[in-house]
N, C-alpha and C. Protein backbone atom coordinates (compact mmCIF):
# COMPACT_ATOMS: atom_id res chain seq x y z
N UNK A 1 16.88 7.47 8.87
CA UNK A 1 16.91 8.28 9.01
C UNK A 1 18.21 8.77 9.80
N UNK A 2 18.60 10.51 9.65
CA UNK A 2 19.80 10.78 9.91
C UNK A 2 19.57 11.53 10.98
N UNK A 3 20.48 11.44 12.25
CA UNK A 3 20.62 12.19 13.42
C UNK A 3 19.90 13.50 13.13
N UNK A 4 20.17 14.31 12.00
CA UNK A 4 20.29 15.71 12.26
C UNK A 4 18.02 15.50 12.29
N UNK A 5 17.61 15.07 11.64
CA UNK A 5 16.42 15.01 11.25
C UNK A 5 15.75 14.85 12.58
N UNK A 6 14.34 15.44 13.01
CA UNK A 6 13.81 15.61 14.33
C UNK A 6 12.46 14.84 13.71
N UNK A 7 12.11 13.60 14.72
CA UNK A 7 10.72 13.15 14.69
C UNK A 7 9.93 13.80 15.48
N UNK A 8 8.41 14.12 14.89
CA UNK A 8 7.85 14.83 15.28
C UNK A 8 7.18 14.31 16.41
N UNK A 9 6.46 14.71 17.61
CA UNK A 9 5.85 13.66 18.60
C UNK A 9 4.60 14.65 18.92
N UNK A 10 3.92 13.65 19.26
CA UNK A 10 2.63 14.22 19.38
C UNK A 10 1.85 12.95 20.86
N UNK A 11 1.39 14.04 21.76
CA UNK A 11 0.50 13.59 22.60
C UNK A 11 -0.14 12.49 22.52
N UNK A 12 -0.69 11.54 22.90
CA UNK A 12 -1.44 10.62 22.38
C UNK A 12 -3.03 11.08 22.47
N UNK A 13 -3.09 11.97 23.27
CA UNK A 13 -4.71 12.63 23.69
C UNK A 13 -4.85 14.05 21.83
N UNK A 14 -4.12 14.37 21.65
CA UNK A 14 -4.07 15.06 20.19
C UNK A 14 -3.86 13.74 19.30
N UNK A 15 -3.05 13.07 19.25
CA UNK A 15 -3.41 11.85 18.32
C UNK A 15 -4.70 11.50 17.96
N UNK A 16 -5.25 11.30 19.07
CA UNK A 16 -6.74 10.99 18.95
C UNK A 16 -7.64 11.59 18.84
N UNK A 17 -7.46 12.78 18.92
CA UNK A 17 -8.43 13.84 18.22
C UNK A 17 -7.95 13.82 16.84
N UNK A 18 -6.96 13.50 16.34
CA UNK A 18 -6.45 14.16 14.79
C UNK A 18 -5.81 12.85 14.03
N UNK A 19 -6.36 12.08 14.33
CA UNK A 19 -5.95 10.85 13.82
C UNK A 19 -6.05 10.51 12.49
N UNK A 20 -6.91 10.80 11.88
CA UNK A 20 -6.96 10.36 10.73
C UNK A 20 -6.01 11.73 9.57
N UNK A 21 -6.07 12.91 10.19
CA UNK A 21 -5.15 13.81 9.72
C UNK A 21 -3.78 13.63 9.50
N UNK A 22 -3.48 13.42 10.78
CA UNK A 22 -2.48 12.71 10.72
C UNK A 22 -1.87 11.50 9.89
N UNK A 23 -2.64 10.64 10.09
CA UNK A 23 -2.29 9.53 9.13
C UNK A 23 -1.93 10.11 7.78
N UNK A 24 -2.62 10.92 7.18
CA UNK A 24 -2.93 11.45 5.86
C UNK A 24 -1.36 12.56 5.57
N UNK A 25 -1.04 13.13 6.37
CA UNK A 25 0.07 13.18 6.99
C UNK A 25 1.34 12.95 7.00
N UNK A 26 0.70 11.79 7.38
CA UNK A 26 2.58 10.87 7.35
C UNK A 26 2.69 9.97 6.03
N UNK A 27 1.31 10.05 5.35
CA UNK A 27 1.23 9.13 4.02
C UNK A 27 2.06 10.35 3.29
N UNK A 28 1.80 11.26 2.22
CA UNK A 28 2.21 12.53 1.80
C UNK A 28 3.54 12.89 2.69
N UNK A 29 4.09 13.27 3.84
CA UNK A 29 5.01 13.78 3.67
C UNK A 29 6.42 12.30 4.44
N UNK A 30 5.69 11.68 4.34
CA UNK A 30 6.90 9.79 4.28
C UNK A 30 7.54 10.60 5.84
N UNK A 31 7.13 10.57 6.62
CA UNK A 31 7.87 11.37 7.65
C UNK A 31 7.25 10.67 9.09
N UNK A 32 7.75 10.21 10.07
CA UNK A 32 6.96 9.25 10.95
C UNK A 32 6.87 10.48 12.16
N UNK A 33 5.44 9.79 12.62
CA UNK A 33 5.21 10.84 13.95
C UNK A 33 5.08 9.94 14.98
N UNK A 34 5.85 10.18 16.15
CA UNK A 34 6.22 9.07 17.56
C UNK A 34 4.85 10.18 18.44
N UNK A 35 4.16 9.19 18.82
CA UNK A 35 2.99 9.24 20.02
C UNK A 35 3.70 8.66 21.44
N UNK A 36 3.22 10.05 22.14
CA UNK A 36 4.05 9.68 23.38
C UNK A 36 3.16 10.05 24.49
N UNK A 37 3.18 9.46 25.59
CA UNK A 37 2.24 9.57 26.86
C UNK A 37 3.30 9.63 28.00
N UNK A 38 2.23 10.71 29.01
CA UNK A 38 2.91 11.69 29.67
C UNK A 38 4.15 11.55 29.50
N UNK A 39 4.97 12.36 27.83
CA UNK A 39 5.79 12.36 27.64
C UNK A 39 7.28 11.07 27.09
N UNK A 40 6.65 10.21 27.61
CA UNK A 40 7.46 9.21 26.94
C UNK A 40 6.41 8.12 25.68
N UNK A 41 7.73 8.51 24.27
CA UNK A 41 7.38 7.73 23.64
C UNK A 41 6.51 6.11 23.68
N UNK A 42 5.06 5.80 22.90
CA UNK A 42 5.12 4.41 23.35
C UNK A 42 4.82 3.93 21.68
N UNK A 43 4.82 4.92 21.11
CA UNK A 43 4.28 3.83 19.62
C UNK A 43 4.53 5.03 18.26
N UNK A 44 4.96 4.81 17.26
CA UNK A 44 5.52 5.38 16.39
C UNK A 44 4.60 5.10 14.58
N UNK A 45 4.18 6.28 14.34
CA UNK A 45 3.72 5.85 12.90
C UNK A 45 4.01 6.55 11.98
N UNK A 46 4.86 5.36 11.19
CA UNK A 46 5.25 5.28 9.76
C UNK A 46 4.49 4.92 8.91
N UNK A 47 4.78 5.77 7.62
CA UNK A 47 4.93 5.35 6.08
C UNK A 47 5.25 4.16 5.85
N UNK A 48 4.35 3.30 5.13
CA UNK A 48 4.07 1.92 4.47
C UNK A 48 4.79 2.60 2.84
N UNK A 49 5.50 1.58 2.37
CA UNK A 49 5.83 1.37 1.49
C UNK A 49 4.41 0.48 0.76
N UNK A 50 3.48 1.15 -0.75
CA UNK A 50 3.03 0.22 -0.72
C UNK A 50 3.34 -0.24 -1.94
N UNK A 51 3.26 -1.36 -2.27
CA UNK A 51 3.37 -2.82 -3.22
C UNK A 51 2.06 -3.09 -4.08
N UNK A 52 1.65 -2.25 -4.75
CA UNK A 52 0.68 -1.78 -5.71
C UNK A 52 0.34 -3.20 -6.68
N UNK A 53 -0.30 -3.80 -7.01
CA UNK A 53 -0.14 -4.62 -8.39
C UNK A 53 -0.23 -4.03 -9.31
N UNK A 54 0.19 -5.07 -10.26
CA UNK A 54 0.76 -4.84 -11.94
C UNK A 54 -0.30 -3.91 -12.52
N UNK A 55 -0.55 -2.92 -13.28
CA UNK A 55 -1.81 -2.40 -13.72
C UNK A 55 -2.07 -3.77 -14.48
N UNK A 56 -3.62 -4.30 -15.00
CA UNK A 56 -3.73 -5.64 -15.78
C UNK A 56 -3.62 -4.90 -17.23
N UNK A 57 -3.74 -3.65 -17.32
CA UNK A 57 -3.99 -3.11 -19.27
C UNK A 57 -2.62 -3.45 -19.96
N UNK A 58 -2.92 -4.35 -20.92
CA UNK A 58 -1.72 -4.32 -21.84
C UNK A 58 -1.29 -6.40 -21.62
N UNK A 59 -1.91 -6.68 -20.53
CA UNK A 59 -1.23 -7.67 -19.88
C UNK A 59 -2.48 -9.36 -20.63
N UNK A 60 -3.48 -8.77 -21.30
CA UNK A 60 -4.20 -9.73 -22.10
C UNK A 60 -4.78 -9.47 -23.31
N UNK A 61 -4.04 -11.37 -23.89
CA UNK A 61 -4.36 -11.24 -25.30
C UNK A 61 -5.55 -11.38 -25.85
N UNK A 62 -5.58 -10.58 -26.38
CA UNK A 62 -7.37 -10.54 -27.16
C UNK A 62 -6.76 -11.96 -28.40
N UNK A 63 -8.15 -12.69 -28.19
CA UNK A 63 -8.20 -13.83 -28.88
C UNK A 63 -9.31 -13.70 -30.14
N UNK A 64 -9.17 -13.83 -31.21
CA UNK A 64 -10.51 -14.41 -31.79
C UNK A 64 -11.69 -14.93 -31.20
N UNK A 65 -12.77 -15.37 -32.02
CA UNK A 65 -13.91 -16.01 -31.65
C UNK A 65 -12.85 -17.36 -31.02
N UNK A 66 -13.46 -17.51 -29.67
CA UNK A 66 -13.58 -19.13 -28.83
C UNK A 66 -13.88 -20.32 -29.07
N UNK A 67 -15.10 -19.76 -29.42
CA UNK A 67 -16.06 -20.89 -29.12
C UNK A 67 -16.64 -21.68 -30.04
N UNK A 68 -16.11 -20.50 -31.96
CA UNK A 68 -16.21 -21.71 -32.74
C UNK A 68 -15.04 -22.91 -33.34
N UNK A 69 -16.06 -24.22 -33.41
CA UNK A 69 -14.91 -25.16 -33.69
C UNK A 69 -14.11 -24.98 -34.79
N UNK A 70 -12.65 -25.36 -34.42
CA UNK A 70 -11.86 -25.11 -35.58
C UNK A 70 -11.61 -26.68 -36.40
N UNK A 71 -11.12 -26.36 -37.03
CA UNK A 71 -11.52 -27.58 -38.43
C UNK A 71 -10.30 -28.89 -38.05
N UNK A 72 -10.01 -29.23 -37.32
CA UNK A 72 -8.96 -30.40 -36.62
C UNK A 72 -9.21 -31.29 -36.39
N UNK A 73 -8.67 -32.46 -36.12
CA UNK A 73 -9.68 -33.66 -36.21
C UNK A 73 -8.57 -34.07 -35.34
N UNK A 74 -8.84 -34.59 -33.84
CA UNK A 74 -8.72 -35.07 -32.88
C UNK A 74 -7.88 -36.71 -32.79
N UNK A 75 -6.82 -37.04 -32.20
CA UNK A 75 -7.00 -38.45 -32.28
C UNK A 75 -6.76 -38.82 -30.74
N UNK A 76 -7.54 -39.75 -30.68
CA UNK A 76 -7.43 -40.32 -29.41
C UNK A 76 -6.20 -41.40 -28.81
N UNK A 77 -5.98 -41.30 -27.79
CA UNK A 77 -5.12 -41.85 -27.48
C UNK A 77 -5.41 -43.47 -26.75
N UNK A 78 -5.03 -44.03 -27.45
CA UNK A 78 -5.79 -45.53 -27.02
C UNK A 78 -4.45 -46.80 -26.87
């Protein structure tokens, strides 16, 4: 954050009334919101960088029939 950016400040009562909309705004804009009580900052709502899991599409190798026995002889280790 640079000095030229002005962080939006919201009184706690307004935050309580519009919490869900403000959370959506923070997520969409990426800008933090400071919640104040009697003019003093008490909390900051900041966006979280989501670490989404890798998609599974293309990560699984499909083999042929895995249940039919193959014609290999097993050697017992004794």
